[in-house]
Amino acid sequence: MTSQKLYEILSKYAESQGIRLNKDKPFVMDILQGLLTNEARYGYRSCPCRLAWGVKEKDADIICPCVYRDPDIKDYGSCFCGLYVSVAWNEGEIEHRRVPERRPKEKRVM
């Protein structure tokens, strides 16, 4: 799969969820390439913004879209990576703040 094809798929998916992909397309394409790299490396699309264990069961919470996406968007308008965002975030109607890491320390690769 190409980054462009993944972009088309995830754009439609995001809209079906009432959210969007970040309007900064070059940034999004970098994230998508990271997802595809991780899929080739591990067999699943783990979040490219976090270190993965390389074990699907240990990384289940960070397989995109991660389990932290919805609470991040609810609280900050954007997920941790900045891939998925609210419409208001994309339109500049809410402040773009740094999203803190929600993944518990014991689940992170050190």
PDB file of N, CA and C in Angstrom:
ATOM      1  N   MET A   1       0.855  -1.181   0.000  1.00  0.00           N
ATOM      2  CA  MET A   1       0.000   0.000   0.000  1.00  0.00           C
ATOM      3  C   MET A   1       0.895   1.235   0.000  1.00  0.00           C
ATOM      4  N   THR A   2       0.420   2.269  -0.650  1.00  0.00           N
ATOM      5  CA  THR A   2       1.166   3.530  -0.679  1.00  0.00           C
ATOM      6  C   THR A   2       0.620   4.478   0.394  1.00  0.00           C
ATOM      7  N   SER A   3       1.425   5.478   0.724  1.00  0.00           N
ATOM      8  CA  SER A   3       0.979   6.505   1.675  1.00  0.00           C
ATOM      9  C   SER A   3      -0.258   7.222   1.149  1.00  0.00           C
ATOM     10  N   GLN A   4      -0.300   7.480  -0.152  1.00  0.00           N
ATOM     11  CA  GLN A   4      -1.448   8.177  -0.742  1.00  0.00           C
ATOM     12  C   GLN A   4      -2.715   7.354  -0.616  1.00  0.00           C
ATOM     13  N   LYS A   5      -2.633   6.054  -0.876  1.00  0.00           N
ATOM     14  CA  LYS A   5      -3.810   5.189  -0.754  1.00  0.00           C
ATOM     15  C   LYS A   5      -4.276   5.141   0.701  1.00  0.00           C
ATOM     16  N   LEU A   6      -3.326   5.027   1.632  1.00  0.00           N
ATOM     17  CA  LEU A   6      -3.673   5.028   3.057  1.00  0.00           C
ATOM     18  C   LEU A   6      -4.318   6.361   3.442  1.00  0.00           C
ATOM     19  N   TYR A   7      -3.821   7.455   2.891  1.00  0.00           N
ATOM     20  CA  TYR A   7      -4.406   8.775   3.150  1.00  0.00           C
ATOM     21  C   TYR A   7      -5.886   8.791   2.739  1.00  0.00           C
ATOM     22  N   GLU A   8      -6.166   8.278   1.563  1.00  0.00           N
ATOM     23  CA  GLU A   8      -7.551   8.259   1.074  1.00  0.00           C
ATOM     24  C   GLU A   8      -8.444   7.417   1.992  1.00  0.00           C
ATOM     25  N   ILE A   9      -7.951   6.263   2.395  1.00  0.00           N
ATOM     26  CA  ILE A   9      -8.725   5.373   3.271  1.00  0.00           C
ATOM     27  C   ILE A   9      -8.963   6.024   4.627  1.00  0.00           C
ATOM     28  N   LEU A  10      -7.903   6.549   5.230  1.00  0.00           N
ATOM     29  CA  LEU A  10      -8.028   7.124   6.573  1.00  0.00           C
ATOM     30  C   LEU A  10      -8.800   8.438   6.581  1.00  0.00           C
ATOM     31  N   SER A  11      -8.754   9.186   5.488  1.00  0.00           N
ATOM     32  CA  SER A  11      -9.562  10.415   5.400  1.00  0.00           C
ATOM     33  C   SER A  11     -11.046  10.073   5.485  1.00  0.00           C
ATOM     34  N   LYS A  12     -11.454   9.068   4.725  1.00  0.00           N
ATOM     35  CA  LYS A  12     -12.858   8.646   4.754  1.00  0.00           C
ATOM     36  C   LYS A  12     -13.222   8.093   6.131  1.00  0.00           C
ATOM     37  N   TYR A  13     -12.331   7.297   6.690  1.00  0.00           N
ATOM     38  CA  TYR A  13     -12.573   6.733   8.025  1.00  0.00           C
ATOM     39  C   TYR A  13     -12.731   7.856   9.051  1.00  0.00           C
ATOM     40  N   ALA A  14     -11.817   8.827   9.051  1.00  0.00           N
ATOM     41  CA  ALA A  14     -11.878   9.929  10.018  1.00  0.00           C
ATOM     42  C   ALA A  14     -13.210  10.665   9.897  1.00  0.00           C
ATOM     43  N   GLU A  15     -13.600  10.973   8.690  1.00  0.00           N
ATOM     44  CA  GLU A  15     -14.874  11.675   8.485  1.00  0.00           C
ATOM     45  C   GLU A  15     -16.043  10.863   9.013  1.00  0.00           C
ATOM     46  N   SER A  16     -15.984   9.546   8.856  1.00  0.00           N
ATOM     47  CA  SER A  16     -17.073   8.700   9.367  1.00  0.00           C
ATOM     48  C   SER A  16     -17.137   8.732  10.890  1.00  0.00           C
ATOM     49  N   GLN A  17     -16.030   9.104  11.524  1.00  0.00           N
ATOM     50  CA  GLN A  17     -15.954   9.187  12.986  1.00  0.00           C
ATOM     51  C   GLN A  17     -16.234  10.600  13.505  1.00  0.00           C
ATOM     52  N   GLY A  18     -16.485  11.534  12.600  1.00  0.00           N
ATOM     53  CA  GLY A  18     -16.756  12.913  12.986  1.00  0.00           C
ATOM     54  C   GLY A  18     -15.499  13.711  13.274  1.00  0.00           C
ATOM     55  N   ILE A  19     -14.352  13.203  12.823  1.00  0.00           N
ATOM     56  CA  ILE A  19     -13.077  13.896  13.001  1.00  0.00           C
ATOM     57  C   ILE A  19     -12.425  14.031  11.632  1.00  0.00           C
ATOM     58  N   ARG A  20     -11.200  14.511  11.596  1.00  0.00           N
ATOM     59  CA  ARG A  20     -10.493  14.695  10.326  1.00  0.00           C
ATOM     60  C   ARG A  20      -9.033  14.291  10.491  1.00  0.00           C
ATOM     61  N   LEU A  21      -8.361  14.159   9.349  1.00  0.00           N
ATOM     62  CA  LEU A  21      -6.907  14.094   9.373  1.00  0.00           C
ATOM     63  C   LEU A  21      -6.403  15.530   9.437  1.00  0.00           C
ATOM     64  N   ASN A  22      -5.266  15.713  10.039  1.00  0.00           N
ATOM     65  CA  ASN A  22      -4.644  17.025  10.126  1.00  0.00           C
ATOM     66  C   ASN A  22      -4.565  17.635   8.733  1.00  0.00           C
ATOM     67  N   LYS A  23      -4.883  18.921   8.614  1.00  0.00           N
ATOM     68  CA  LYS A  23      -4.894  19.557   7.294  1.00  0.00           C
ATOM     69  C   LYS A  23      -3.488  19.795   6.737  1.00  0.00           C
ATOM     70  N   ASP A  24      -2.453  19.598   7.556  1.00  0.00           N
ATOM     71  CA  ASP A  24      -1.064  19.715   7.097  1.00  0.00           C
ATOM     72  C   ASP A  24      -0.689  18.407   6.395  1.00  0.00           C
ATOM     73  N   LYS A  25      -0.967  18.338   5.101  1.00  0.00           N
ATOM     74  CA  LYS A  25      -0.809  17.073   4.372  1.00  0.00           C
ATOM     75  C   LYS A  25       0.628  16.556   4.363  1.00  0.00           C
ATOM     76  N   PRO A  26       1.665  17.376   4.166  1.00  0.00           N
ATOM     77  CA  PRO A  26       3.022  16.829   4.221  1.00  0.00           C
ATOM     78  C   PRO A  26       3.326  16.168   5.575  1.00  0.00           C
ATOM     79  N   PHE A  27       2.854  16.774   6.656  1.00  0.00           N
ATOM     80  CA  PHE A  27       3.024  16.195   7.993  1.00  0.00           C
ATOM     81  C   PHE A  27       2.305  14.853   8.082  1.00  0.00           C
ATOM     82  N   VAL A  28       1.064  14.821   7.605  1.00  0.00           N
ATOM     83  CA  VAL A  28       0.263  13.596   7.631  1.00  0.00           C
ATOM     84  C   VAL A  28       0.938  12.501   6.814  1.00  0.00           C
ATOM     85  N   MET A  29       1.460  12.854   5.654  1.00  0.00           N
ATOM     86  CA  MET A  29       2.097  11.850   4.808  1.00  0.00           C
ATOM     87  C   MET A  29       3.318  11.238   5.503  1.00  0.00           C
ATOM     88  N   ASP A  30       4.049  12.032   6.276  1.00  0.00           N
ATOM     89  CA  ASP A  30       5.179  11.497   7.055  1.00  0.00           C
ATOM     90  C   ASP A  30       4.689  10.495   8.098  1.00  0.00           C
ATOM     91  N   ILE A  31       3.597  10.838   8.790  1.00  0.00           N
ATOM     92  CA  ILE A  31       3.028   9.929   9.794  1.00  0.00           C
ATOM     93  C   ILE A  31       2.568   8.634   9.116  1.00  0.00           C
ATOM     94  N   LEU A  32       1.903   8.764   7.979  1.00  0.00           N
ATOM     95  CA  LEU A  32       1.409   7.588   7.271  1.00  0.00           C
ATOM     96  C   LEU A  32       2.555   6.704   6.799  1.00  0.00           C
ATOM     97  N   GLN A  33       3.648   7.309   6.352  1.00  0.00           N
ATOM     98  CA  GLN A  33       4.807   6.511   5.967  1.00  0.00           C
ATOM     99  C   GLN A  33       5.354   5.762   7.177  1.00  0.00           C
ATOM    100  N   GLY A  34       5.333   6.406   8.347  1.00  0.00           N
ATOM    101  CA  GLY A  34       5.750   5.731   9.574  1.00  0.00           C
ATOM    102  C   GLY A  34       4.845   4.560   9.921  1.00  0.00           C
ATOM    103  N   LEU A  35       3.549   4.726   9.722  1.00  0.00           N
ATOM    104  CA  LEU A  35       2.609   3.621   9.954  1.00  0.00           C
ATOM    105  C   LEU A  35       2.906   2.448   9.028  1.00  0.00           C
ATOM    106  N   LEU A  36       3.166   2.761   7.768  1.00  0.00           N
ATOM    107  CA  LEU A  36       3.454   1.702   6.797  1.00  0.00           C
ATOM    108  C   LEU A  36       4.800   1.026   7.079  1.00  0.00           C
ATOM    109  N   THR A  37       5.765   1.804   7.526  1.00  0.00           N
ATOM    110  CA  THR A  37       7.061   1.232   7.915  1.00  0.00           C
ATOM    111  C   THR A  37       6.888   0.284   9.085  1.00  0.00           C
ATOM    112  N   ASN A  38       6.112   0.701  10.082  1.00  0.00           N
ATOM    113  CA  ASN A  38       5.875  -0.164  11.241  1.00  0.00           C
ATOM    114  C   ASN A  38       5.080  -1.405  10.854  1.00  0.00           C
ATOM    115  N   GLU A  39       4.166  -1.260   9.913  1.00  0.00           N
ATOM    116  CA  GLU A  39       3.417  -2.432   9.447  1.00  0.00           C
ATOM    117  C   GLU A  39       4.377  -3.435   8.780  1.00  0.00           C
ATOM    118  N   ALA A  40       5.302  -2.937   7.977  1.00  0.00           N
ATOM    119  CA  ALA A  40       6.276  -3.821   7.329  1.00  0.00           C
ATOM    120  C   ALA A  40       7.211  -4.456   8.362  1.00  0.00           C
ATOM    121  N   ARG A  41       7.553  -3.677   9.379  1.00  0.00           N
ATOM    122  CA  ARG A  41       8.484  -4.139  10.413  1.00  0.00           C
ATOM    123  C   ARG A  41       7.841  -5.132  11.378  1.00  0.00           C
ATOM    124  N   TYR A  42       6.624  -4.830  11.836  1.00  0.00           N
ATOM    125  CA  TYR A  42       5.989  -5.610  12.911  1.00  0.00           C
ATOM    126  C   TYR A  42       4.784  -6.435  12.470  1.00  0.00           C
ATOM    127  N   GLY A  43       4.215  -6.080  11.324  1.00  0.00           N
ATOM    128  CA  GLY A  43       3.004  -6.764  10.883  1.00  0.00           C
ATOM    129  C   GLY A  43       1.739  -6.045  11.303  1.00  0.00           C
ATOM    130  N   TYR A  44       1.869  -4.894  11.919  1.00  0.00           N
ATOM    131  CA  TYR A  44       0.731  -4.076  12.330  1.00  0.00           C
ATOM    132  C   TYR A  44       1.171  -2.617  12.355  1.00  0.00           C
ATOM    133  N   ARG A  45       0.201  -1.726  12.249  1.00  0.00           N
ATOM    134  CA  ARG A  45       0.489  -0.290  12.170  1.00  0.00           C
ATOM    135  C   ARG A  45       0.542   0.342  13.552  1.00  0.00           C
ATOM    136  N   SER A  46       1.644   0.145  14.220  1.00  0.00           N
ATOM    137  CA  SER A  46       1.796   0.788  15.523  1.00  0.00           C
ATOM    138  C   SER A  46       2.091   2.271  15.310  1.00  0.00           C
ATOM    139  N   CYS A  47       1.719   3.049  16.290  1.00  0.00           N
ATOM    140  CA  CYS A  47       1.912   4.496  16.269  1.00  0.00           C
ATOM    141  C   CYS A  47       3.384   4.821  15.997  1.00  0.00           C
ATOM    142  N   PRO A  48       3.672   5.610  14.960  1.00  0.00           N
ATOM    143  CA  PRO A  48       5.060   5.950  14.679  1.00  0.00           C
ATOM    144  C   PRO A  48       5.629   7.011  15.628  1.00  0.00           C
ATOM    145  N   CYS A  49       4.800   7.552  16.476  1.00  0.00           N
ATOM    146  CA  CYS A  49       5.235   8.582  17.423  1.00  0.00           C
ATOM    147  C   CYS A  49       5.637   7.990  18.768  1.00  0.00           C
ATOM    148  N   ARG A  50       5.536   6.681  18.866  1.00  0.00           N
ATOM    149  CA  ARG A  50       5.883   5.987  20.104  1.00  0.00           C
ATOM    150  C   ARG A  50       6.775   4.800  19.757  1.00  0.00           C
ATOM    151  N   LEU A  51       7.596   4.382  20.709  1.00  0.00           N
ATOM    152  CA  LEU A  51       8.399   3.181  20.509  1.00  0.00           C
ATOM    153  C   LEU A  51       7.529   1.960  20.737  1.00  0.00           C
ATOM    154  N   ALA A  52       7.600   1.031  19.802  1.00  0.00           N
ATOM    155  CA  ALA A  52       6.816  -0.199  19.903  1.00  0.00           C
ATOM    156  C   ALA A  52       7.688  -1.330  20.424  1.00  0.00           C
ATOM    157  N   TRP A  53       7.039  -2.270  21.079  1.00  0.00           N
ATOM    158  CA  TRP A  53       7.725  -3.471  21.565  1.00  0.00           C
ATOM    159  C   TRP A  53       8.005  -4.437  20.415  1.00  0.00           C
ATOM    160  N   GLY A  54       7.165  -4.387  19.395  1.00  0.00           N
ATOM    161  CA  GLY A  54       7.275  -5.348  18.310  1.00  0.00           C
ATOM    162  C   GLY A  54       6.525  -6.634  18.601  1.00  0.00           C
ATOM    163  N   VAL A  55       5.704  -6.587  19.633  1.00  0.00           N
ATOM    164  CA  VAL A  55       4.855  -7.715  20.037  1.00  0.00           C
ATOM    165  C   VAL A  55       3.432  -7.176  20.040  1.00  0.00           C
ATOM    166  N   LYS A  56       2.611  -7.698  19.143  1.00  0.00           N
ATOM    167  CA  LYS A  56       1.270  -7.133  18.944  1.00  0.00           C
ATOM    168  C   LYS A  56       0.480  -7.018  20.246  1.00  0.00           C
ATOM    169  N   GLU A  57       0.526  -8.038  21.076  1.00  0.00           N
ATOM    170  CA  GLU A  57      -0.240  -8.007  22.332  1.00  0.00           C
ATOM    171  C   GLU A  57       0.235  -6.879  23.249  1.00  0.00           C
ATOM    172  N   LYS A  58       1.532  -6.614  23.271  1.00  0.00           N
ATOM    173  CA  LYS A  58       2.070  -5.552  24.124  1.00  0.00           C
ATOM    174  C   LYS A  58       1.815  -4.168  23.536  1.00  0.00           C
ATOM    175  N   ASP A  59       1.631  -4.128  22.220  1.00  0.00           N
ATOM    176  CA  ASP A  59       1.421  -2.856  21.534  1.00  0.00           C
ATOM    177  C   ASP A  59      -0.038  -2.598  21.163  1.00  0.00           C
ATOM    178  N   ALA A  60      -0.939  -3.451  21.610  1.00  0.00           N
ATOM    179  CA  ALA A  60      -2.342  -3.349  21.197  1.00  0.00           C
ATOM    180  C   ALA A  60      -2.920  -1.951  21.431  1.00  0.00           C
ATOM    181  N   ASP A  61      -2.478  -1.287  22.491  1.00  0.00           N
ATOM    182  CA  ASP A  61      -3.020   0.043  22.803  1.00  0.00           C
ATOM    183  C   ASP A  61      -2.499   1.143  21.884  1.00  0.00           C
ATOM    184  N   ILE A  62      -1.417   0.870  21.142  1.00  0.00           N
ATOM    185  CA  ILE A  62      -0.865   1.904  20.255  1.00  0.00           C
ATOM    186  C   ILE A  62      -0.950   1.523  18.780  1.00  0.00           C
ATOM    187  N   ILE A  63      -1.802   0.547  18.455  1.00  0.00           N
ATOM    188  CA  ILE A  63      -2.056   0.263  17.044  1.00  0.00           C
ATOM    189  C   ILE A  63      -3.043   1.317  16.560  1.00  0.00           C
ATOM    190  N   CYS A  64      -2.670   1.995  15.509  1.00  0.00           N
ATOM    191  CA  CYS A  64      -3.434   3.133  15.011  1.00  0.00           C
ATOM    192  C   CYS A  64      -4.772   2.688  14.416  1.00  0.00           C
ATOM    193  N   PRO A  65      -5.876   3.344  14.800  1.00  0.00           N
ATOM    194  CA  PRO A  65      -5.946   4.438  15.768  1.00  0.00           C
ATOM    195  C   PRO A  65      -5.831   3.898  17.189  1.00  0.00           C
ATOM    196  N   CYS A  66      -4.960   4.503  17.948  1.00  0.00           N
ATOM    197  CA  CYS A  66      -4.684   4.017  19.300  1.00  0.00           C
ATOM    198  C   CYS A  66      -5.866   4.265  20.241  1.00  0.00           C
ATOM    199  N   VAL A  67      -5.837   3.595  21.366  1.00  0.00           N
ATOM    200  CA  VAL A  67      -6.932   3.731  22.331  1.00  0.00           C
ATOM    201  C   VAL A  67      -6.954   5.115  22.990  1.00  0.00           C
ATOM    202  N   TYR A  68      -5.884   5.867  22.821  1.00  0.00           N
ATOM    203  CA  TYR A  68      -5.792   7.200  23.433  1.00  0.00           C
ATOM    204  C   TYR A  68      -6.308   8.306  22.511  1.00  0.00           C
ATOM    205  N   ARG A  69      -6.587   7.963  21.255  1.00  0.00           N
ATOM    206  CA  ARG A  69      -7.001   8.971  20.272  1.00  0.00           C
ATOM    207  C   ARG A  69      -8.233   9.747  20.705  1.00  0.00           C
ATOM    208  N   ASP A  70      -9.299   9.048  21.030  1.00  0.00           N
ATOM    209  CA  ASP A  70     -10.551   9.745  21.338  1.00  0.00           C
ATOM    210  C   ASP A  70     -10.446  10.639  22.576  1.00  0.00           C
ATOM    211  N   PRO A  71      -9.868  10.160  23.694  1.00  0.00           N
ATOM    212  CA  PRO A  71      -9.725  11.083  24.821  1.00  0.00           C
ATOM    213  C   PRO A  71      -8.787  12.254  24.514  1.00  0.00           C
ATOM    214  N   ASP A  72      -7.746  12.012  23.707  1.00  0.00           N
ATOM    215  CA  ASP A  72      -6.857  13.116  23.327  1.00  0.00           C
ATOM    216  C   ASP A  72      -7.612  14.170  22.527  1.00  0.00           C
ATOM    217  N   ILE A  73      -8.394  13.719  21.553  1.00  0.00           N
ATOM    218  CA  ILE A  73      -9.146  14.668  20.731  1.00  0.00           C
ATOM    219  C   ILE A  73     -10.186  15.388  21.574  1.00  0.00           C
ATOM    220  N   LYS A  74     -10.824  14.662  22.479  1.00  0.00           N
ATOM    221  CA  LYS A  74     -11.823  15.291  23.352  1.00  0.00           C
ATOM    222  C   LYS A  74     -11.189  16.391  24.206  1.00  0.00           C
ATOM    223  N   ASP A  75     -10.008  16.123  24.753  1.00  0.00           N
ATOM    224  CA  ASP A  75      -9.368  17.071  25.671  1.00  0.00           C
ATOM    225  C   ASP A  75      -8.508  18.128  24.984  1.00  0.00           C
ATOM    226  N   TYR A  76      -7.907  17.784  23.830  1.00  0.00           N
ATOM    227  CA  TYR A  76      -6.933  18.688  23.204  1.00  0.00           C
ATOM    228  C   TYR A  76      -7.240  19.032  21.749  1.00  0.00           C
ATOM    229  N   GLY A  77      -8.213  18.339  21.149  1.00  0.00           N
ATOM    230  CA  GLY A  77      -8.536  18.594  19.754  1.00  0.00           C
ATOM    231  C   GLY A  77      -7.660  17.836  18.774  1.00  0.00           C
ATOM    232  N   SER A  78      -6.684  17.109  19.291  1.00  0.00           N
ATOM    233  CA  SER A  78      -5.740  16.381  18.452  1.00  0.00           C
ATOM    234  C   SER A  78      -5.285  15.135  19.184  1.00  0.00           C
ATOM    235  N   CYS A  79      -4.950  14.093  18.427  1.00  0.00           N
ATOM    236  CA  CYS A  79      -4.338  12.928  19.065  1.00  0.00           C
ATOM    237  C   CYS A  79      -2.863  13.232  19.335  1.00  0.00           C
ATOM    238  N   PHE A  80      -2.209  12.365  20.058  1.00  0.00           N
ATOM    239  CA  PHE A  80      -0.811  12.542  20.450  1.00  0.00           C
ATOM    240  C   PHE A  80       0.088  12.835  19.249  1.00  0.00           C
ATOM    241  N   CYS A  81      -0.112  12.113  18.158  1.00  0.00           N
ATOM    242  CA  CYS A  81       0.704  12.293  16.942  1.00  0.00           C
ATOM    243  C   CYS A  81       0.346  13.554  16.165  1.00  0.00           C
ATOM    244  N   GLY A  82      -0.907  13.951  16.289  1.00  0.00           N
ATOM    245  CA  GLY A  82      -1.392  15.039  15.449  1.00  0.00           C
ATOM    246  C   GLY A  82      -1.950  14.555  14.126  1.00  0.00           C
ATOM    247  N   LEU A  83      -2.118  13.245  13.980  1.00  0.00           N
ATOM    248  CA  LEU A  83      -2.695  12.703  12.755  1.00  0.00           C
ATOM    249  C   LEU A  83      -4.199  12.959  12.707  1.00  0.00           C
ATOM    250  N   TYR A  84      -4.890  12.543  13.752  1.00  0.00           N
ATOM    251  CA  TYR A  84      -6.340  12.741  13.850  1.00  0.00           C
ATOM    252  C   TYR A  84      -6.624  13.985  14.681  1.00  0.00           C
ATOM    253  N   VAL A  85      -7.535  14.803  14.172  1.00  0.00           N
ATOM    254  CA  VAL A  85      -7.861  16.054  14.848  1.00  0.00           C
ATOM    255  C   VAL A  85      -9.365  16.318  14.763  1.00  0.00           C
ATOM    256  N   SER A  86      -9.821  17.216  15.607  1.00  0.00           N
ATOM    257  CA  SER A  86     -11.218  17.644  15.514  1.00  0.00           C
ATOM    258  C   SER A  86     -11.348  18.657  14.377  1.00  0.00           C
ATOM    259  N   VAL A  87     -12.565  18.847  13.928  1.00  0.00           N
ATOM    260  CA  VAL A  87     -12.831  19.854  12.900  1.00  0.00           C
ATOM    261  C   VAL A  87     -12.421  21.225  13.430  1.00  0.00           C
ATOM    262  N   ALA A  88     -12.761  21.524  14.670  1.00  0.00           N
ATOM    263  CA  ALA A  88     -12.428  22.826  15.269  1.00  0.00           C
ATOM    264  C   ALA A  88     -10.915  23.040  15.324  1.00  0.00           C
ATOM    265  N   TRP A  89     -10.168  21.998  15.617  1.00  0.00           N
ATOM    266  CA  TRP A  89      -8.696  22.095  15.645  1.00  0.00           C
ATOM    267  C   TRP A  89      -8.176  22.426  14.255  1.00  0.00           C
ATOM    268  N   ASN A  90      -8.685  21.708  13.250  1.00  0.00           N
ATOM    269  CA  ASN A  90      -8.240  21.926  11.873  1.00  0.00           C
ATOM    270  C   ASN A  90      -8.572  23.333  11.389  1.00  0.00           C
ATOM    271  N   GLU A  91      -9.674  23.872  11.866  1.00  0.00           N
ATOM    272  CA  GLU A  91     -10.108  25.204  11.444  1.00  0.00           C
ATOM    273  C   GLU A  91      -9.468  26.321  12.270  1.00  0.00           C
ATOM    274  N   GLY A  92      -8.641  25.957  13.227  1.00  0.00           N
ATOM    275  CA  GLY A  92      -7.982  26.972  14.058  1.00  0.00           C
ATOM    276  C   GLY A  92      -8.893  27.604  15.081  1.00  0.00           C
ATOM    277  N   GLU A  93     -10.008  26.953  15.377  1.00  0.00           N
ATOM    278  CA  GLU A  93     -10.981  27.497  16.332  1.00  0.00           C
ATOM    279  C   GLU A  93     -10.601  27.198  17.778  1.00  0.00           C
ATOM    280  N   ILE A  94      -9.693  26.246  17.976  1.00  0.00           N
ATOM    281  CA  ILE A  94      -9.205  25.957  19.320  1.00  0.00           C
ATOM    282  C   ILE A  94      -7.679  25.982  19.296  1.00  0.00           C
ATOM    283  N   GLU A  95      -7.120  26.283  20.437  1.00  0.00           N
ATOM    284  CA  GLU A  95      -5.671  26.383  20.565  1.00  0.00           C
ATOM    285  C   GLU A  95      -5.002  25.034  20.287  1.00  0.00           C
ATOM    286  N   HIS A  96      -3.909  25.086  19.574  1.00  0.00           N
ATOM    287  CA  HIS A  96      -3.118  23.880  19.314  1.00  0.00           C
ATOM    288  C   HIS A  96      -2.122  23.719  20.449  1.00  0.00           C
ATOM    289  N   ARG A  97      -2.451  22.819  21.361  1.00  0.00           N
ATOM    290  CA  ARG A  97      -1.604  22.576  22.530  1.00  0.00           C
ATOM    291  C   ARG A  97      -0.905  21.230  22.400  1.00  0.00           C
ATOM    292  N   ARG A  98       0.206  21.097  23.092  1.00  0.00           N
ATOM    293  CA  ARG A  98       0.918  19.827  23.137  1.00  0.00           C
ATOM    294  C   ARG A  98       0.050  18.803  23.857  1.00  0.00           C
ATOM    295  N   VAL A  99      -0.068  17.633  23.271  1.00  0.00           N
ATOM    296  CA  VAL A  99      -0.857  16.550  23.866  1.00  0.00           C
ATOM    297  C   VAL A  99       0.085  15.690  24.705  1.00  0.00           C
ATOM    298  N   PRO A 100      -0.169  15.579  25.994  1.00  0.00           N
ATOM    299  CA  PRO A 100       0.710  14.759  26.828  1.00  0.00           C
ATOM    300  C   PRO A 100       0.527  13.267  26.545  1.00  0.00           C
ATOM    301  N   GLU A 101       1.553  12.517  26.816  1.00  0.00           N
ATOM    302  CA  GLU A 101       1.515  11.068  26.631  1.00  0.00           C
ATOM    303  C   GLU A 101       0.592  10.442  27.666  1.00  0.00           C
ATOM    304  N   ARG A 102      -0.390   9.697  27.214  1.00  0.00           N
ATOM    305  CA  ARG A 102      -1.324   9.004  28.114  1.00  0.00           C
ATOM    306  C   ARG A 102      -0.911   7.553  28.352  1.00  0.00           C
ATOM    307  N   ARG A 103      -0.060   7.030  27.504  1.00  0.00           N
ATOM    308  CA  ARG A 103       0.313   5.619  27.643  1.00  0.00           C
ATOM    309  C   ARG A 103       1.027   5.432  28.979  1.00  0.00           C
ATOM    310  N   PRO A 104       0.549   4.499  29.796  1.00  0.00           N
ATOM    311  CA  PRO A 104       1.182   4.291  31.104  1.00  0.00           C
ATOM    312  C   PRO A 104       2.659   3.921  30.952  1.00  0.00           C
ATOM    313  N   LYS A 105       3.456   4.391  31.885  1.00  0.00           N
ATOM    314  CA  LYS A 105       4.906   4.147  31.830  1.00  0.00           C
ATOM    315  C   LYS A 105       5.257   2.680  31.734  1.00  0.00           C
ATOM    316  N   GLU A 106       4.491   1.848  32.397  1.00  0.00           N
ATOM    317  CA  GLU A 106       4.816   0.411  32.384  1.00  0.00           C
ATOM    318  C   GLU A 106       4.586  -0.220  31.000  1.00  0.00           C
ATOM    319  N   LYS A 107       3.846   0.449  30.132  1.00  0.00           N
ATOM    320  CA  LYS A 107       3.620  -0.068  28.784  1.00  0.00           C
ATOM    321  C   LYS A 107       4.622   0.481  27.785  1.00  0.00           C
ATOM    322  N   ARG A 108       5.406   1.478  28.176  1.00  0.00           N
ATOM    323  CA  ARG A 108       6.349   2.115  27.260  1.00  0.00           C
ATOM    324  C   ARG A 108       7.654   1.329  27.180  1.00  0.00           C
ATOM    325  N   VAL A 109       8.236   1.370  25.985  1.00  0.00           N
ATOM    326  CA  VAL A 109       9.565   0.795  25.782  1.00  0.00           C
ATOM    327  C   VAL A 109      10.560   1.781  26.375  1.00  0.00           C
ATOM    328  N   MET A 110      11.429   1.290  27.212  1.00  0.00           N
ATOM    329  CA  MET A 110      12.417   2.196  27.835  1.00  0.00           C
ATOM    330  C   MET A 110      13.767   2.036  27.207  1.00  0.00           C
TER     331      MET A 110
END
